[in-house]
Amino acid sequence: MSEQSSNQGKGKPTPTRKEREKARKKPLVGDRSKEAKRADKEKVRIQRQQIREGMMAGDERYLSARDKGPQRRFARDLVDARFTAGELVLPMLFIVVFMTFIDSFILQVIALFAMWGLFGIVALDATLVGKSTKKKVAIKFGQENLEQGIAWYAAMRSIQMRSLRIPKPQVSRFQKF
């Protein structure tokens, strides 16, 4: 070693462990006031509310990729214009649960078989709705332009209760197309 390097020092003391940990734990963005955080939360809440309202109204800008497009809109309108067996599942489930509290084995068995029968009817109805919708969409938009999964989309929408569907139905029930 040369004499020059042995005489040179850092010029400052070595930082303590406490100082090093404190330097490492500093926030990356910086401290923000509670008012700024609250204002950001309110802005995000308003934005989410606008998106939700737009989605419920069927505004194309706010719909998920699953629901976008003219074929999906037409399929939704076809399903929403009819009464489907899938709309009866939730009310029927409440009846079955209520009937399990009745101390009659025969009534409980009848309710159970009625529920399984309804599931079968719902599956058949959803299949028919899907096929019918696919056929009508193909007629309107052309077989070569038919989107993948349109029958499944219509079948799944037909199983939901009308009041719980998102986006909300845009057509009245029993409207003709």
N, C-alpha and C. Protein backbone atom coordinates (compact mmCIF):
# COMPACT_ATOMS: atom_id res chain seq x y z
N MET A 1 0.82 -1.19 0.00
CA MET A 1 0.00 0.00 0.00
C MET A 1 0.86 1.25 0.00
N SER A 2 0.39 2.22 -0.68
CA SER A 2 1.12 3.48 -0.71
C SER A 2 0.76 4.30 0.51
N GLU A 3 1.57 5.25 0.76
CA GLU A 3 1.38 6.09 1.93
C GLU A 3 0.15 6.98 1.77
N GLN A 4 -0.13 7.37 0.54
CA GLN A 4 -1.24 8.27 0.28
C GLN A 4 -2.58 7.61 0.60
N SER A 5 -2.76 6.34 0.22
CA SER A 5 -4.02 5.68 0.46
C SER A 5 -4.24 5.37 1.92
N SER A 6 -3.17 5.16 2.68
CA SER A 6 -3.35 4.85 4.09
C SER A 6 -3.73 6.07 4.90
N ASN A 7 -3.41 7.27 4.40
CA ASN A 7 -3.74 8.48 5.13
C ASN A 7 -5.13 9.00 4.78
N GLN A 8 -5.71 8.52 3.67
CA GLN A 8 -7.03 9.00 3.28
C GLN A 8 -8.10 8.29 4.09
N GLY A 9 -9.11 9.03 4.50
CA GLY A 9 -10.24 8.45 5.22
C GLY A 9 -11.53 8.74 4.50
N LYS A 10 -12.62 8.28 5.05
CA LYS A 10 -13.93 8.52 4.44
C LYS A 10 -14.39 9.95 4.62
N GLY A 11 -13.91 10.55 5.65
CA GLY A 11 -14.31 11.92 5.90
C GLY A 11 -15.58 12.01 6.74
N LYS A 12 -16.16 10.85 7.09
CA LYS A 12 -17.37 10.85 7.93
C LYS A 12 -17.43 9.52 8.68
N PRO A 13 -18.13 9.49 9.80
CA PRO A 13 -18.21 8.24 10.56
C PRO A 13 -19.13 7.23 9.87
N THR A 14 -18.90 5.97 10.16
CA THR A 14 -19.74 4.90 9.62
C THR A 14 -21.14 5.02 10.21
N PRO A 15 -22.19 4.94 9.36
CA PRO A 15 -23.55 5.08 9.90
C PRO A 15 -23.89 3.92 10.83
N THR A 16 -24.69 4.22 11.81
CA THR A 16 -25.12 3.18 12.75
C THR A 16 -26.20 2.33 12.09
N ARG A 17 -26.43 1.19 12.67
CA ARG A 17 -27.47 0.29 12.14
C ARG A 17 -28.84 0.96 12.15
N LYS A 18 -29.11 1.68 13.22
CA LYS A 18 -30.39 2.36 13.36
C LYS A 18 -30.60 3.36 12.21
N GLU A 19 -29.56 4.12 11.88
CA GLU A 19 -29.64 5.10 10.79
C GLU A 19 -29.86 4.40 9.45
N ARG A 20 -29.17 3.28 9.22
CA ARG A 20 -29.32 2.54 7.96
C ARG A 20 -30.74 1.99 7.80
N GLU A 21 -31.31 1.44 8.87
CA GLU A 21 -32.68 0.91 8.80
C GLU A 21 -33.68 2.02 8.56
N LYS A 22 -33.48 3.15 9.19
CA LYS A 22 -34.39 4.28 9.00
C LYS A 22 -34.35 4.78 7.55
N ALA A 23 -33.16 4.83 6.97
CA ALA A 23 -33.02 5.27 5.57
C ALA A 23 -33.69 4.29 4.63
N ARG A 24 -33.63 3.01 4.96
CA ARG A 24 -34.22 1.99 4.10
C ARG A 24 -35.75 2.00 4.17
N LYS A 25 -36.31 2.45 5.28
CA LYS A 25 -37.76 2.39 5.47
C LYS A 25 -38.49 3.66 5.04
N LYS A 26 -37.82 4.56 4.40
CA LYS A 26 -38.49 5.77 3.94
C LYS A 26 -39.50 5.41 2.85
N PRO A 27 -40.64 6.11 2.81
CA PRO A 27 -41.63 5.81 1.77
C PRO A 27 -41.09 6.17 0.38
N LEU A 28 -41.47 5.38 -0.61
CA LEU A 28 -41.00 5.60 -1.97
C LEU A 28 -41.66 6.82 -2.60
N VAL A 29 -42.95 7.01 -2.33
CA VAL A 29 -43.69 8.09 -2.96
C VAL A 29 -43.62 9.36 -2.14
N GLY A 30 -43.52 9.22 -0.86
CA GLY A 30 -43.52 10.38 0.01
C GLY A 30 -44.77 10.38 0.87
N ASP A 31 -44.71 11.10 1.93
CA ASP A 31 -45.86 11.18 2.83
C ASP A 31 -46.96 12.01 2.18
N ARG A 32 -48.19 11.58 2.38
CA ARG A 32 -49.33 12.32 1.86
C ARG A 32 -50.26 12.63 3.00
N SER A 33 -50.95 13.72 2.87
CA SER A 33 -51.86 14.12 3.93
C SER A 33 -53.13 13.27 3.90
N LYS A 34 -53.83 13.26 5.01
CA LYS A 34 -55.08 12.50 5.10
C LYS A 34 -56.12 13.06 4.13
N GLU A 35 -56.11 14.37 3.96
CA GLU A 35 -57.07 14.99 3.05
C GLU A 35 -56.84 14.55 1.61
N ALA A 36 -55.57 14.44 1.21
CA ALA A 36 -55.25 14.00 -0.15
C ALA A 36 -55.68 12.54 -0.36
N LYS A 37 -55.42 11.71 0.64
CA LYS A 37 -55.84 10.31 0.54
C LYS A 37 -57.36 10.21 0.47
N ARG A 38 -58.05 10.99 1.30
CA ARG A 38 -59.51 10.98 1.32
C ARG A 38 -60.07 11.45 -0.02
N ALA A 39 -59.47 12.50 -0.60
CA ALA A 39 -59.92 13.02 -1.89
C ALA A 39 -59.72 11.96 -2.99
N ASP A 40 -58.58 11.25 -2.95
CA ASP A 40 -58.34 10.19 -3.93
C ASP A 40 -59.35 9.07 -3.79
N LYS A 41 -59.66 8.68 -2.55
CA LYS A 41 -60.65 7.63 -2.32
C LYS A 41 -62.02 8.03 -2.86
N GLU A 42 -62.39 9.28 -2.63
CA GLU A 42 -63.67 9.77 -3.11
C GLU A 42 -63.72 9.80 -4.64
N LYS A 43 -62.60 10.20 -5.25
CA LYS A 43 -62.52 10.23 -6.71
C LYS A 43 -62.67 8.83 -7.29
N VAL A 44 -62.00 7.85 -6.69
CA VAL A 44 -62.08 6.46 -7.14
C VAL A 44 -63.49 5.92 -6.94
N ARG A 45 -64.12 6.27 -5.80
CA ARG A 45 -65.49 5.81 -5.53
C ARG A 45 -66.47 6.35 -6.57
N ILE A 46 -66.33 7.62 -6.92
CA ILE A 46 -67.21 8.23 -7.92
C ILE A 46 -66.98 7.58 -9.29
N GLN A 47 -65.72 7.33 -9.61
CA GLN A 47 -65.40 6.68 -10.89
C GLN A 47 -65.99 5.28 -10.95
N ARG A 48 -65.86 4.51 -9.87
CA ARG A 48 -66.45 3.17 -9.82
C ARG A 48 -67.96 3.22 -9.94
N GLN A 49 -68.59 4.20 -9.31
CA GLN A 49 -70.04 4.35 -9.39
C GLN A 49 -70.47 4.64 -10.83
N GLN A 50 -69.72 5.50 -11.53
CA GLN A 50 -70.04 5.79 -12.93
C GLN A 50 -69.90 4.54 -13.79
N ILE A 51 -68.85 3.77 -13.56
CA ILE A 51 -68.63 2.54 -14.32
C ILE A 51 -69.76 1.56 -14.06
N ARG A 52 -70.15 1.42 -12.79
CA ARG A 52 -71.23 0.48 -12.45
C ARG A 52 -72.55 0.90 -13.09
N GLU A 53 -72.87 2.19 -13.02
CA GLU A 53 -74.11 2.67 -13.63
C GLU A 53 -74.08 2.47 -15.14
N GLY A 54 -72.94 2.74 -15.76
CA GLY A 54 -72.82 2.54 -17.20
C GLY A 54 -72.96 1.07 -17.57
N MET A 55 -72.39 0.20 -16.77
CA MET A 55 -72.49 -1.23 -17.03
C MET A 55 -73.93 -1.71 -16.86
N MET A 56 -74.59 -1.24 -15.81
CA MET A 56 -75.99 -1.65 -15.59
C MET A 56 -76.90 -1.16 -16.72
N ALA A 57 -76.58 0.01 -17.26
CA ALA A 57 -77.39 0.57 -18.34
C ALA A 57 -77.08 -0.05 -19.69
N GLY A 58 -76.01 -0.86 -19.75
CA GLY A 58 -75.65 -1.50 -21.01
C GLY A 58 -74.80 -0.63 -21.91
N ASP A 59 -74.19 0.43 -21.36
CA ASP A 59 -73.31 1.30 -22.14
C ASP A 59 -72.08 0.49 -22.57
N GLU A 60 -71.86 0.45 -23.86
CA GLU A 60 -70.80 -0.38 -24.45
C GLU A 60 -69.41 -0.05 -23.90
N ARG A 61 -69.17 1.21 -23.53
CA ARG A 61 -67.85 1.62 -23.02
C ARG A 61 -67.51 0.96 -21.69
N TYR A 62 -68.53 0.65 -20.89
CA TYR A 62 -68.29 0.15 -19.54
C TYR A 62 -68.48 -1.36 -19.40
N LEU A 63 -68.90 -2.02 -20.45
CA LEU A 63 -69.14 -3.46 -20.36
C LEU A 63 -67.83 -4.23 -20.34
N SER A 64 -67.88 -5.40 -19.73
CA SER A 64 -66.70 -6.27 -19.73
C SER A 64 -66.55 -6.87 -21.13
N ALA A 65 -65.40 -7.45 -21.40
CA ALA A 65 -65.14 -8.03 -22.72
C ALA A 65 -66.16 -9.13 -23.03
N ARG A 66 -66.63 -9.82 -22.02
CA ARG A 66 -67.61 -10.89 -22.19
C ARG A 66 -68.93 -10.36 -22.77
N ASP A 67 -69.30 -9.13 -22.44
CA ASP A 67 -70.61 -8.59 -22.81
C ASP A 67 -70.58 -7.62 -23.98
N LYS A 68 -69.41 -7.32 -24.52
CA LYS A 68 -69.31 -6.30 -25.57
C LYS A 68 -69.67 -6.87 -26.94
N GLY A 69 -70.17 -5.99 -27.77
CA GLY A 69 -70.42 -6.32 -29.15
C GLY A 69 -71.89 -6.40 -29.51
N PRO A 70 -72.19 -6.18 -30.79
CA PRO A 70 -73.60 -6.19 -31.22
C PRO A 70 -74.24 -7.57 -31.13
N GLN A 71 -73.47 -8.62 -31.35
CA GLN A 71 -74.04 -9.97 -31.26
C GLN A 71 -74.42 -10.30 -29.83
N ARG A 72 -73.58 -9.92 -28.88
CA ARG A 72 -73.88 -10.17 -27.47
C ARG A 72 -75.11 -9.36 -27.04
N ARG A 73 -75.19 -8.13 -27.51
CA ARG A 73 -76.36 -7.30 -27.18
C ARG A 73 -77.64 -7.94 -27.73
N PHE A 74 -77.58 -8.40 -28.96
CA PHE A 74 -78.75 -9.05 -29.57
C PHE A 74 -79.11 -10.32 -28.80
N ALA A 75 -78.10 -11.10 -28.41
CA ALA A 75 -78.35 -12.33 -27.64
C ALA A 75 -78.99 -11.99 -26.30
N ARG A 76 -78.48 -10.94 -25.63
CA ARG A 76 -79.07 -10.52 -24.35
C ARG A 76 -80.52 -10.13 -24.52
N ASP A 77 -80.79 -9.37 -25.58
CA ASP A 77 -82.17 -8.93 -25.82
C ASP A 77 -83.08 -10.12 -26.10
N LEU A 78 -82.60 -11.11 -26.85
CA LEU A 78 -83.41 -12.30 -27.11
C LEU A 78 -83.73 -13.05 -25.83
N VAL A 79 -82.73 -13.22 -24.97
CA VAL A 79 -82.94 -13.94 -23.71
C VAL A 79 -83.84 -13.14 -22.78
N ASP A 80 -83.62 -11.84 -22.71
CA ASP A 80 -84.38 -11.00 -21.77
C ASP A 80 -85.84 -10.85 -22.19
N ALA A 81 -86.14 -11.09 -23.44
CA ALA A 81 -87.51 -10.93 -23.92
C ALA A 81 -88.38 -12.15 -23.60
N ARG A 82 -87.79 -13.22 -23.10
CA ARG A 82 -88.57 -14.42 -22.83
C ARG A 82 -88.50 -14.81 -21.36
N PHE A 83 -89.45 -15.62 -20.95
CA PHE A 83 -89.43 -16.17 -19.60
C PHE A 83 -88.69 -17.50 -19.66
N THR A 84 -87.76 -17.71 -18.74
CA THR A 84 -86.98 -18.95 -18.74
C THR A 84 -87.17 -19.69 -17.41
N ALA A 85 -86.96 -20.98 -17.45
CA ALA A 85 -87.11 -21.80 -16.25
C ALA A 85 -86.04 -21.47 -15.22
N GLY A 86 -84.91 -20.97 -15.65
CA GLY A 86 -83.83 -20.63 -14.73
C GLY A 86 -84.21 -19.56 -13.72
N GLU A 87 -85.20 -18.75 -14.06
CA GLU A 87 -85.65 -17.71 -13.16
C GLU A 87 -86.39 -18.28 -11.95
N LEU A 88 -86.78 -19.53 -12.03
CA LEU A 88 -87.52 -20.15 -10.93
C LEU A 88 -86.63 -20.84 -9.90
N VAL A 89 -85.34 -20.98 -10.20
CA VAL A 89 -84.45 -21.76 -9.33
C VAL A 89 -84.34 -21.15 -7.94
N LEU A 90 -84.02 -19.87 -7.84
CA LEU A 90 -83.83 -19.26 -6.53
C LEU A 90 -85.10 -19.28 -5.68
N PRO A 91 -86.26 -18.89 -6.22
CA PRO A 91 -87.47 -19.00 -5.40
C PRO A 91 -87.76 -20.44 -4.98
N MET A 92 -87.51 -21.38 -5.89
CA MET A 92 -87.75 -22.79 -5.56
C MET A 92 -86.80 -23.27 -4.46
N LEU A 93 -85.59 -22.79 -4.47
CA LEU A 93 -84.64 -23.16 -3.41
C LEU A 93 -85.14 -22.70 -2.05
N PHE A 94 -85.71 -21.50 -1.98
CA PHE A 94 -86.27 -21.02 -0.72
C PHE A 94 -87.42 -21.92 -0.26
N ILE A 95 -88.24 -22.34 -1.18
CA ILE A 95 -89.35 -23.23 -0.83
C ILE A 95 -88.82 -24.57 -0.32
N VAL A 96 -87.81 -25.11 -0.98
CA VAL A 96 -87.24 -26.39 -0.56
C VAL A 96 -86.61 -26.27 0.83
N VAL A 97 -85.88 -25.20 1.07
CA VAL A 97 -85.29 -25.01 2.39
C VAL A 97 -86.38 -24.88 3.45
N PHE A 98 -87.42 -24.15 3.14
CA PHE A 98 -88.55 -24.01 4.07
C PHE A 98 -89.19 -25.38 4.34
N MET A 99 -89.34 -26.19 3.30
CA MET A 99 -90.00 -27.49 3.46
C MET A 99 -89.13 -28.49 4.24
N THR A 100 -87.82 -28.25 4.31
CA THR A 100 -86.99 -29.15 5.11
C THR A 100 -87.25 -28.98 6.60
N PHE A 101 -87.83 -27.84 6.99
CA PHE A 101 -88.16 -27.62 8.39
C PHE A 101 -89.48 -28.30 8.78
N ILE A 102 -90.27 -28.68 7.81
CA ILE A 102 -91.54 -29.36 8.09
C ILE A 102 -91.22 -30.81 8.45
N ASP A 103 -91.87 -31.30 9.48
CA ASP A 103 -91.55 -32.63 10.00
C ASP A 103 -92.35 -33.72 9.27
N SER A 104 -92.28 -33.67 7.95
CA SER A 104 -92.95 -34.68 7.14
C SER A 104 -91.95 -35.18 6.10
N PHE A 105 -91.59 -36.43 6.22
CA PHE A 105 -90.61 -37.01 5.32
C PHE A 105 -91.11 -36.98 3.88
N ILE A 106 -92.38 -37.24 3.69
CA ILE A 106 -92.96 -37.28 2.33
C ILE A 106 -92.87 -35.91 1.67
N LEU A 107 -93.20 -34.84 2.41
CA LEU A 107 -93.10 -33.48 1.84
C LEU A 107 -91.66 -33.12 1.52
N GLN A 108 -90.73 -33.55 2.37
CA GLN A 108 -89.32 -33.26 2.11
C GLN A 108 -88.84 -33.98 0.85
N VAL A 109 -89.25 -35.23 0.68
CA VAL A 109 -88.86 -35.99 -0.51
C VAL A 109 -89.48 -35.38 -1.76
N ILE A 110 -90.74 -34.98 -1.67
CA ILE A 110 -91.41 -34.34 -2.81
C ILE A 110 -90.68 -33.05 -3.20
N ALA A 111 -90.32 -32.24 -2.21
CA ALA A 111 -89.61 -30.99 -2.48
C ALA A 111 -88.26 -31.26 -3.12
N LEU A 112 -87.58 -32.28 -2.63
CA LEU A 112 -86.26 -32.62 -3.18
C LEU A 112 -86.37 -33.07 -4.63
N PHE A 113 -87.33 -33.95 -4.92
CA PHE A 113 -87.51 -34.40 -6.30
C PHE A 113 -88.00 -33.27 -7.21
N ALA A 114 -88.81 -32.38 -6.67
CA ALA A 114 -89.26 -31.23 -7.45
C ALA A 114 -88.06 -30.34 -7.82
N MET A 115 -87.16 -30.18 -6.87
CA MET A 115 -85.98 -29.36 -7.13
C MET A 115 -85.10 -30.00 -8.19
N TRP A 116 -84.87 -31.31 -8.09
CA TRP A 116 -84.07 -32.00 -9.10
C TRP A 116 -84.76 -31.97 -10.46
N GLY A 117 -86.08 -32.09 -10.46
CA GLY A 117 -86.83 -31.98 -11.71
C GLY A 117 -86.67 -30.60 -12.33
N LEU A 118 -86.70 -29.57 -11.48
CA LEU A 118 -86.52 -28.20 -11.97
C LEU A 118 -85.12 -28.02 -12.55
N PHE A 119 -84.11 -28.61 -11.91
CA PHE A 119 -82.75 -28.53 -12.46
C PHE A 119 -82.68 -29.15 -13.85
N GLY A 120 -83.36 -30.27 -14.03
CA GLY A 120 -83.40 -30.91 -15.34
C GLY A 120 -84.08 -30.03 -16.37
N ILE A 121 -85.20 -29.44 -15.98
CA ILE A 121 -85.95 -28.55 -16.88
C ILE A 121 -85.10 -27.32 -17.23
N VAL A 122 -84.38 -26.79 -16.23
CA VAL A 122 -83.52 -25.61 -16.46
C VAL A 122 -82.41 -25.96 -17.45
N ALA A 123 -81.81 -27.13 -17.28
CA ALA A 123 -80.74 -27.55 -18.19
C ALA A 123 -81.27 -27.69 -19.62
N LEU A 124 -82.43 -28.29 -19.76
CA LEU A 124 -83.04 -28.44 -21.08
C LEU A 124 -83.41 -27.08 -21.67
N ASP A 125 -84.02 -26.23 -20.86
CA ASP A 125 -84.42 -24.91 -21.32
C ASP A 125 -83.20 -24.07 -21.73
N ALA A 126 -82.13 -24.13 -20.93
CA ALA A 126 -80.92 -23.37 -21.26
C ALA A 126 -80.31 -23.86 -22.57
N THR A 127 -80.33 -25.16 -22.79
CA THR A 127 -79.82 -25.70 -24.05
C THR A 127 -80.64 -25.20 -25.23
N LEU A 128 -81.95 -25.25 -25.09
CA LEU A 128 -82.84 -24.78 -26.17
C LEU A 128 -82.68 -23.28 -26.41
N VAL A 129 -82.57 -22.50 -25.33
CA VAL A 129 -82.37 -21.05 -25.47
C VAL A 129 -81.06 -20.77 -26.20
N GLY A 130 -80.00 -21.49 -25.82
CA GLY A 130 -78.70 -21.30 -26.46
C GLY A 130 -78.74 -21.60 -27.94
N LYS A 131 -79.35 -22.73 -28.30
CA LYS A 131 -79.44 -23.10 -29.73
C LYS A 131 -80.29 -22.11 -30.50
N SER A 132 -81.42 -21.73 -29.93
CA SER A 132 -82.31 -20.78 -30.59
C SER A 132 -81.62 -19.43 -30.80
N THR A 133 -80.93 -18.97 -29.78
CA THR A 133 -80.23 -17.69 -29.88
C THR A 133 -79.12 -17.75 -30.92
N LYS A 134 -78.38 -18.84 -30.93
CA LYS A 134 -77.29 -18.99 -31.90
C LYS A 134 -77.84 -18.95 -33.32
N LYS A 135 -78.98 -19.61 -33.54
CA LYS A 135 -79.60 -19.63 -34.86
C LYS A 135 -80.05 -18.23 -35.28
N LYS A 136 -80.69 -17.50 -34.37
CA LYS A 136 -81.18 -16.16 -34.70
C LYS A 136 -80.03 -15.16 -34.90
N VAL A 137 -78.96 -15.29 -34.11
CA VAL A 137 -77.80 -14.42 -34.28
C VAL A 137 -77.13 -14.71 -35.62
N ALA A 138 -77.06 -15.99 -36.00
CA ALA A 138 -76.47 -16.37 -37.29
C ALA A 138 -77.29 -15.81 -38.45
N ILE A 139 -78.60 -15.80 -38.31
CA ILE A 139 -79.46 -15.24 -39.36
C ILE A 139 -79.24 -13.74 -39.49
N LYS A 140 -79.18 -13.05 -38.35
CA LYS A 140 -79.07 -11.60 -38.38
C LYS A 140 -77.67 -11.12 -38.79
N PHE A 141 -76.61 -11.75 -38.27
CA PHE A 141 -75.25 -11.27 -38.50
C PHE A 141 -74.47 -12.11 -39.51
N GLY A 142 -75.03 -13.21 -39.94
CA GLY A 142 -74.35 -14.08 -40.89
C GLY A 142 -73.59 -15.19 -40.19
N GLN A 143 -73.68 -16.38 -40.75
CA GLN A 143 -73.04 -17.55 -40.16
C GLN A 143 -71.51 -17.40 -40.10
N GLU A 144 -70.93 -16.75 -41.11
CA GLU A 144 -69.47 -16.61 -41.14
C GLU A 144 -68.96 -15.62 -40.10
N ASN A 145 -69.82 -14.72 -39.60
CA ASN A 145 -69.42 -13.72 -38.61
C ASN A 145 -69.83 -14.10 -37.19
N LEU A 146 -70.33 -15.30 -37.01
CA LEU A 146 -70.85 -15.73 -35.71
C LEU A 146 -69.73 -15.82 -34.68
N GLU A 147 -69.92 -15.16 -33.54
CA GLU A 147 -68.92 -15.18 -32.46
C GLU A 147 -68.92 -16.54 -31.77
N GLN A 148 -67.76 -16.92 -31.27
CA GLN A 148 -67.65 -18.15 -30.50
C GLN A 148 -68.35 -17.97 -29.15
N GLY A 149 -69.04 -19.01 -28.70
CA GLY A 149 -69.61 -19.02 -27.36
C GLY A 149 -70.91 -18.25 -27.20
N ILE A 150 -71.54 -17.87 -28.29
CA ILE A 150 -72.77 -17.08 -28.17
C ILE A 150 -73.90 -17.91 -27.58
N ALA A 151 -73.96 -19.20 -27.90
CA ALA A 151 -74.99 -20.07 -27.34
C ALA A 151 -74.79 -20.25 -25.83
N TRP A 152 -73.54 -20.45 -25.43
CA TRP A 152 -73.24 -20.60 -23.99
C TRP A 152 -73.57 -19.30 -23.24
N TYR A 153 -73.24 -18.16 -23.84
CA TYR A 153 -73.53 -16.86 -23.24
C TYR A 153 -75.04 -16.70 -23.00
N ALA A 154 -75.83 -17.04 -24.01
CA ALA A 154 -77.28 -16.93 -23.89
C ALA A 154 -77.82 -17.92 -22.86
N ALA A 155 -77.29 -19.14 -22.85
CA ALA A 155 -77.76 -20.16 -21.89
C ALA A 155 -77.47 -19.72 -20.46
N MET A 156 -76.29 -19.19 -20.21
CA MET A 156 -75.93 -18.77 -18.85
C MET A 156 -76.76 -17.57 -18.41
N ARG A 157 -77.06 -16.69 -19.35
CA ARG A 157 -77.90 -15.53 -18.99
C ARG A 157 -79.32 -15.98 -18.70
N SER A 158 -79.79 -17.02 -19.38
CA SER A 158 -81.17 -17.49 -19.18
C SER A 158 -81.34 -18.14 -17.81
N ILE A 159 -80.26 -18.61 -17.21
CA ILE A 159 -80.36 -19.26 -15.90
C ILE A 159 -80.49 -18.23 -14.78
N GLN A 160 -80.00 -17.02 -15.00
CA GLN A 160 -80.06 -15.98 -13.97
C GLN A 160 -81.47 -15.41 -13.86
N MET A 161 -81.82 -15.00 -12.64
CA MET A 161 -83.09 -14.30 -12.47
C MET A 161 -83.02 -12.98 -13.22
N ARG A 162 -84.10 -12.58 -13.81
CA ARG A 162 -84.13 -11.38 -14.64
C ARG A 162 -83.68 -10.14 -13.87
N SER A 163 -84.08 -10.01 -12.62
CA SER A 163 -83.75 -8.82 -11.84
C SER A 163 -82.27 -8.78 -11.43
N LEU A 164 -81.57 -9.91 -11.50
CA LEU A 164 -80.17 -9.96 -11.09
C LEU A 164 -79.20 -9.95 -12.26
N ARG A 165 -79.69 -9.84 -13.47
CA ARG A 165 -78.82 -9.87 -14.64
C ARG A 165 -78.04 -8.57 -14.80
N ILE A 166 -76.80 -8.72 -15.21
CA ILE A 166 -75.95 -7.55 -15.48
C ILE A 166 -75.36 -7.75 -16.87
N PRO A 167 -75.48 -6.80 -17.76
CA PRO A 167 -76.24 -5.56 -17.66
C PRO A 167 -77.74 -5.82 -17.57
N LYS A 168 -78.43 -4.85 -17.01
CA LYS A 168 -79.87 -4.97 -16.81
C LYS A 168 -80.57 -5.16 -18.16
N PRO A 169 -81.69 -5.90 -18.17
CA PRO A 169 -82.44 -6.09 -19.42
C PRO A 169 -82.86 -4.75 -20.02
N GLN A 170 -82.66 -4.60 -21.33
CA GLN A 170 -83.00 -3.38 -22.05
C GLN A 170 -84.32 -3.49 -22.81
N VAL A 171 -84.90 -4.70 -22.82
CA VAL A 171 -86.16 -4.91 -23.54
C VAL A 171 -87.21 -5.42 -22.57
N SER A 172 -88.46 -5.21 -22.94
CA SER A 172 -89.54 -5.70 -22.09
C SER A 172 -89.76 -7.18 -22.36
N ARG A 173 -90.37 -7.83 -21.40
CA ARG A 173 -90.61 -9.26 -21.54
C ARG A 173 -91.63 -9.51 -22.65
N PHE A 174 -91.44 -10.58 -23.38
CA PHE A 174 -92.31 -11.03 -24.47
C PHE A 174 -92.29 -10.10 -25.69
N GLN A 175 -91.26 -9.26 -25.79
CA GLN A 175 -91.09 -8.41 -26.96
C GLN A 175 -90.67 -9.30 -28.13
N LYS A 176 -91.21 -9.03 -29.32
CA LYS A 176 -90.90 -9.84 -30.50
C LYS A 176 -89.71 -9.27 -31.25
N PHE A 177 -88.92 -10.19 -31.86
CA PHE A 177 -87.75 -9.79 -32.66
C PHE A 177 -87.90 -10.33 -34.07
